[in-house]
């Protein structure tokens, strides 16, 4: 990628993206700039990755071809209030701020600004992320390709219409929390039947990781892979019967739906706030 990337916000997601981009040699460190209010954080990123750093967001905007808004949604209005008028027509703005609609960002940027909204998840910090990207009103195919390359460095990427990003938030955005709860519960089960806590946790986590990798690598339907483990009158079918009786399937579906609804509500509130402060 022959562009300079500027990350406003040097938190975990920015650090994961920087690490992935440099490791996959998408960009060299001298073409990455990170800004943050915490100078110690900037020093850590510079020492670890050799990237350029600044505490001045305007300096970053002046020097970047792609501006990545990797800040919390609560401060996005403050950031856009400072940099908005300085974004150039040829620049691409990529937002990682959860729940902030494209229209709300475009309203704080110059007419015709090119925006791509994204919804990554925390496994991006270990190069196993799931990210959805959605084009703004003026984003081009090349802009989407740049955003795709950016997040492909830390996992898998899908391109969707923005109207589906709340669903993505409910599934993959919030999903790591659901999976952690399941791993914890599986480990508790292992402890109940006699395994040491550390052993149970290792086996539970590796089983979830291996099962997901098996599905992704083979492309098989999860039902078929489930059946491969489930022999007549065996142990797996006994466990599956208990899970179905406990309503696990319905509970997970309800969790995704509830998180999606909450994401939509928070997005509407954020959009209203940004419109008020325009």
Protein backbone atom coordinates (compact mmCIF):
# COMPACT_ATOMS: atom_id res chain seq x y z
CA UNK A 1 0.00 0.00 0.00
CA UNK A 2 1.66 3.23 -1.12
CA UNK A 3 -0.23 5.45 1.29
CA UNK A 4 0.50 6.98 4.66
CA UNK A 5 -1.85 5.76 7.38
CA UNK A 6 -2.75 7.97 10.32
CA UNK A 7 -4.38 6.50 13.43
CA UNK A 8 -6.16 8.97 15.68
CA UNK A 9 -6.15 7.07 18.97
CA UNK A 10 -3.41 4.64 19.96
CA UNK A 11 -5.50 2.12 21.91
CA UNK A 12 -5.71 -1.65 21.59
CA UNK A 13 -7.40 -1.71 18.19
CA UNK A 14 -4.96 0.77 16.65
CA UNK A 15 -2.04 -1.17 18.11
CA UNK A 16 -3.44 -4.41 16.67
CA UNK A 17 -3.85 -2.87 13.23
CA UNK A 18 -0.37 -1.35 13.29
CA UNK A 19 1.16 -4.66 14.34
CA UNK A 20 -0.75 -6.60 11.67
CA UNK A 21 0.02 -4.14 8.89
CA UNK A 22 3.73 -4.08 9.67
CA UNK A 23 3.97 -7.85 10.16
CA UNK A 24 2.28 -8.51 6.80
CA UNK A 25 4.42 -5.77 5.21
CA UNK A 26 1.38 -3.87 3.91
CA UNK A 27 3.13 -0.63 4.86
CA UNK A 28 6.56 0.22 6.29
CA UNK A 29 6.70 1.86 9.75
CA UNK A 30 7.71 5.22 8.34
CA UNK A 31 4.33 5.42 6.57
CA UNK A 32 2.36 5.04 9.80
CA UNK A 33 1.51 7.92 12.14
CA UNK A 34 -0.30 7.51 15.46
CA UNK A 35 -1.72 10.31 17.60
CA UNK A 36 -2.90 10.02 21.18
CA UNK A 37 -3.29 12.19 24.26
CA UNK A 38 -1.10 9.79 26.27
CA UNK A 39 2.55 10.38 25.49
CA UNK A 40 3.62 7.18 27.26
CA UNK A 41 1.37 5.20 24.93
CA UNK A 42 2.92 6.88 21.90
CA UNK A 43 6.39 6.13 23.22
CA UNK A 44 5.49 2.45 23.59
CA UNK A 45 4.20 2.26 20.00
CA UNK A 46 7.27 4.05 18.63
CA UNK A 47 9.71 1.85 20.55
CA UNK A 48 7.90 -1.37 19.64
CA UNK A 49 7.05 -0.67 16.00
CA UNK A 50 9.15 2.30 14.87
CA UNK A 51 6.10 4.28 13.75
CA UNK A 52 5.86 8.06 13.84
CA UNK A 53 3.83 9.60 16.65
CA UNK A 54 2.27 12.94 17.59
CA UNK A 55 -0.09 14.43 20.15
CA UNK A 56 -1.47 16.81 17.51
CA UNK A 57 -4.41 15.39 15.54
CA UNK A 58 -4.19 18.19 12.98
CA UNK A 59 -0.54 17.37 12.31
CA UNK A 60 -1.59 13.77 11.70
CA UNK A 61 -4.38 14.77 9.30
CA UNK A 62 -1.99 16.96 7.34
CA UNK A 63 0.45 14.07 6.89
CA UNK A 64 -1.87 11.12 6.22
CA UNK A 65 -3.59 9.77 3.11
CA UNK A 66 -5.89 7.53 5.16
CA UNK A 67 -7.18 8.75 8.54
CA UNK A 68 -8.32 5.97 10.85
CA UNK A 69 -10.62 7.13 13.65
CA UNK A 70 -9.68 4.55 16.28
CA UNK A 71 -11.25 6.33 19.24
CA UNK A 72 -14.15 5.56 21.53
CA UNK A 73 -17.57 6.68 20.21
CA UNK A 74 -17.98 8.99 23.21
CA UNK A 75 -15.19 11.26 21.95
CA UNK A 76 -15.77 11.03 18.19
CA UNK A 77 -17.70 14.32 18.15
CA UNK A 78 -14.83 16.11 19.88
CA UNK A 79 -12.28 14.66 17.44
CA UNK A 80 -14.36 15.52 14.37
CA UNK A 81 -14.92 19.00 15.75
CA UNK A 82 -11.15 19.57 15.65
CA UNK A 83 -10.17 17.80 12.41
CA UNK A 84 -13.40 17.90 10.38
CA UNK A 85 -12.78 21.07 8.41
CA UNK A 86 -9.21 20.01 7.63
CA UNK A 87 -9.99 16.70 5.91
CA UNK A 88 -9.04 16.97 2.23
CA UNK A 89 -11.11 15.64 -0.70
CA UNK A 90 -8.45 13.07 -1.62
CA UNK A 91 -8.28 11.62 1.89
CA UNK A 92 -10.10 8.52 3.09
CA UNK A 93 -11.59 8.46 6.59
CA UNK A 94 -11.99 5.00 8.13
CA UNK A 95 -13.98 4.81 11.36
CA UNK A 96 -13.58 2.13 14.01
CA UNK A 97 -15.88 4.00 16.43
CA UNK A 98 -18.65 1.55 17.29
CA UNK A 99 -22.21 2.68 16.68
CA UNK A 100 -21.44 6.00 14.98
CA UNK A 101 -23.41 6.15 11.70
CA UNK A 102 -21.80 7.27 8.46
CA UNK A 103 -24.33 10.09 8.04
CA UNK A 104 -23.39 11.52 11.44
CA UNK A 105 -19.70 11.55 10.52
CA UNK A 106 -20.30 12.95 7.04
CA UNK A 107 -22.28 15.79 8.62
CA UNK A 108 -19.15 16.86 10.51
CA UNK A 109 -16.83 16.54 7.50
CA UNK A 110 -16.50 18.60 4.30
CA UNK A 111 -19.01 17.97 1.51
CA UNK A 112 -18.08 14.86 -0.47
CA UNK A 113 -15.80 13.38 2.22
CA UNK A 114 -15.01 9.71 1.64
CA UNK A 115 -15.88 7.59 4.67
CA UNK A 116 -15.78 3.86 5.36
CA UNK A 117 -17.36 2.65 8.60
CA UNK A 118 -16.07 -0.57 10.15
CA UNK A 119 -16.99 -2.98 12.93
CA UNK A 120 -13.99 -5.07 14.03
CA UNK A 121 -13.83 -7.21 17.16
CA UNK A 122 -11.29 -7.77 19.93
CA UNK A 123 -9.69 -10.96 18.49
CA UNK A 124 -8.09 -8.58 15.96
CA UNK A 125 -5.51 -8.01 18.71
CA UNK A 126 -4.27 -11.59 18.11
CA UNK A 127 -4.67 -11.49 14.29
CA UNK A 128 -7.94 -13.45 14.44
CA UNK A 129 -10.45 -10.64 14.03
CA UNK A 130 -13.77 -10.56 12.23
CA UNK A 131 -14.46 -7.18 10.65
CA UNK A 132 -17.34 -5.83 8.60
CA UNK A 133 -16.80 -2.73 6.46
CA UNK A 134 -19.46 -0.50 4.94
CA UNK A 135 -19.03 2.32 2.41
CA UNK A 136 -20.19 5.84 3.05
CA UNK A 137 -22.04 7.98 0.50
CA UNK A 138 -18.93 9.01 -1.43
CA UNK A 139 -16.62 6.04 -0.82
CA UNK A 140 -15.16 4.46 -3.97
CA UNK A 141 -14.30 0.86 -4.79
CA UNK A 142 -10.66 1.74 -4.23
CA UNK A 143 -11.56 3.09 -0.78
CA UNK A 144 -13.22 -0.22 0.08
CA UNK A 145 -10.18 -2.12 -1.17
CA UNK A 146 -7.94 -0.03 1.08
CA UNK A 147 -10.17 -0.64 4.10
CA UNK A 148 -10.33 -4.35 3.28
CA UNK A 149 -6.54 -4.58 3.08
CA UNK A 150 -6.23 -2.71 6.35
CA UNK A 151 -8.39 -5.15 8.33
CA UNK A 152 -7.39 -8.28 6.42
CA UNK A 153 -4.01 -7.79 8.11
CA UNK A 154 -5.65 -8.78 11.43
CA UNK A 155 -8.27 -11.34 10.39
CA UNK A 156 -11.20 -11.89 8.06
CA UNK A 157 -13.25 -9.13 6.41
CA UNK A 158 -16.72 -8.89 4.91
CA UNK A 159 -18.21 -5.93 3.02
CA UNK A 160 -21.83 -5.14 3.86
CA UNK A 161 -24.40 -2.39 3.63
CA UNK A 162 -24.28 -0.08 6.64
CA UNK A 163 -27.81 -1.11 7.61
CA UNK A 164 -26.38 -4.51 8.65
CA UNK A 165 -23.64 -3.22 10.95
CA UNK A 166 -25.88 -3.33 14.02
CA UNK A 167 -26.39 -7.03 13.30
CA UNK A 168 -22.63 -7.44 12.97
CA UNK A 169 -22.21 -5.72 16.34
CA UNK A 170 -24.71 -8.13 17.88
CA UNK A 171 -22.97 -11.17 16.41
CA UNK A 172 -19.20 -10.80 15.94
CA UNK A 173 -18.72 -7.47 17.74
CA UNK A 174 -20.27 -8.72 20.98
CA UNK A 175 -19.69 -12.41 20.22
CA UNK A 176 -16.31 -12.75 21.96
CA UNK A 177 -18.10 -12.07 25.25
CA UNK A 178 -20.58 -14.88 24.56
CA UNK A 179 -17.79 -17.29 23.63
CA UNK A 180 -15.77 -16.40 26.74
CA UNK A 181 -18.82 -17.15 28.87
CA UNK A 182 -19.20 -20.53 27.11
CA UNK A 183 -15.51 -21.35 27.61
CA UNK A 184 -15.80 -20.44 31.28
CA UNK A 185 -18.90 -22.62 31.64
CA UNK A 186 -17.26 -25.57 29.86
CA UNK A 187 -14.25 -25.25 32.16
CA UNK A 188 -16.59 -25.17 35.18
CA UNK A 189 -18.11 -28.40 33.89
CA UNK A 190 -14.66 -29.93 33.64
CA UNK A 191 -13.89 -28.92 37.22
CA UNK A 192 -17.19 -30.42 38.37
CA UNK A 193 -16.27 -33.80 36.92
CA UNK A 194 -12.79 -33.78 38.43
CA UNK A 195 -10.37 -31.84 36.23
CA UNK A 196 -7.97 -29.26 37.63
CA UNK A 197 -9.11 -25.69 36.84
CA UNK A 198 -6.09 -24.86 34.64
CA UNK A 199 -6.42 -28.11 32.71
CA UNK A 200 -10.16 -27.64 32.22
CA UNK A 201 -9.71 -24.08 30.97
CA UNK A 202 -6.97 -25.09 28.53
CA UNK A 203 -9.02 -27.95 27.13
CA UNK A 204 -12.17 -25.80 26.85
CA UNK A 205 -10.39 -22.93 25.08
CA UNK A 206 -8.47 -25.22 22.71
CA UNK A 207 -11.67 -27.12 21.88
CA UNK A 208 -13.48 -23.90 20.93
CA UNK A 209 -10.45 -22.71 18.92
CA UNK A 210 -10.00 -26.03 17.16
CA UNK A 211 -13.69 -26.41 16.36
CA UNK A 212 -13.84 -22.93 14.81
CA UNK A 213 -10.67 -23.59 12.81
CA UNK A 214 -12.08 -26.91 11.59
CA UNK A 215 -15.22 -25.19 10.31
CA UNK A 216 -13.33 -22.33 8.64
CA UNK A 217 -10.69 -24.57 7.06
CA UNK A 218 -13.10 -27.21 5.74
CA UNK A 219 -16.04 -24.98 4.82
CA UNK A 220 -18.38 -27.71 6.07
CA UNK A 221 -21.75 -26.87 7.60
CA UNK A 222 -21.53 -26.91 11.42
CA UNK A 223 -24.39 -29.42 11.55
CA UNK A 224 -22.33 -31.89 9.51
CA UNK A 225 -19.27 -31.39 11.68
CA UNK A 226 -21.46 -31.88 14.76
CA UNK A 227 -22.78 -35.14 13.35
CA UNK A 228 -19.21 -36.36 12.76
CA UNK A 229 -18.65 -36.26 16.54
CA UNK A 230 -22.05 -37.68 17.45
CA UNK A 231 -22.25 -41.48 17.39
CA UNK A 232 -25.46 -43.40 18.17
CA UNK A 233 -26.00 -43.78 21.90
CA UNK A 234 -22.69 -42.05 22.61
CA UNK A 235 -21.43 -39.29 24.87
CA UNK A 236 -21.84 -36.33 22.51
CA UNK A 237 -25.54 -36.96 21.85
CA UNK A 238 -26.13 -37.16 25.60
CA UNK A 239 -24.48 -33.79 26.06
CA UNK A 240 -26.28 -32.27 23.06
CA UNK A 241 -29.63 -33.43 24.44
CA UNK A 242 -28.88 -31.54 27.65
CA UNK A 243 -27.89 -28.38 25.75
CA UNK A 244 -31.06 -28.46 23.65
CA UNK A 245 -33.18 -29.08 26.75
CA UNK A 246 -31.54 -26.06 28.38
CA UNK A 247 -32.38 -23.84 25.42
CA UNK A 248 -28.79 -22.99 24.46
CA UNK A 249 -29.63 -22.45 20.80
CA UNK A 250 -32.55 -20.14 21.54
CA UNK A 251 -30.59 -18.27 24.21
CA UNK A 252 -27.72 -17.51 21.83
CA UNK A 253 -30.12 -16.35 19.12
CA UNK A 254 -31.85 -14.09 21.66
CA UNK A 255 -28.46 -12.72 22.79
CA UNK A 256 -27.51 -11.70 19.26
CA UNK A 257 -30.92 -10.11 18.75
CA UNK A 258 -30.78 -8.20 22.05
CA UNK A 259 -27.27 -6.90 21.35
CA UNK A 260 -28.30 -5.86 17.83
CA UNK A 261 -31.28 -3.92 19.17
CA UNK A 262 -29.10 -2.22 21.77
CA UNK A 263 -26.52 -1.32 19.11
CA UNK A 264 -29.22 0.33 16.99
CA UNK A 265 -30.48 2.33 19.98
CA UNK A 266 -27.00 3.55 20.91
CA UNK A 267 -26.32 4.45 17.27
CA UNK A 268 -29.46 6.57 17.09
CA UNK A 269 -28.48 8.36 20.30
CA UNK A 270 -24.97 9.03 18.98
CA UNK A 271 -26.28 10.32 15.66
CA UNK A 272 -28.66 12.67 17.45
CA UNK A 273 -25.81 14.00 19.61
CA UNK A 274 -23.60 14.68 16.63
CA UNK A 275 -26.40 16.46 14.77
CA UNK A 276 -27.03 18.68 17.79
CA UNK A 277 -23.36 19.70 17.96
CA UNK A 278 -22.92 20.38 14.28
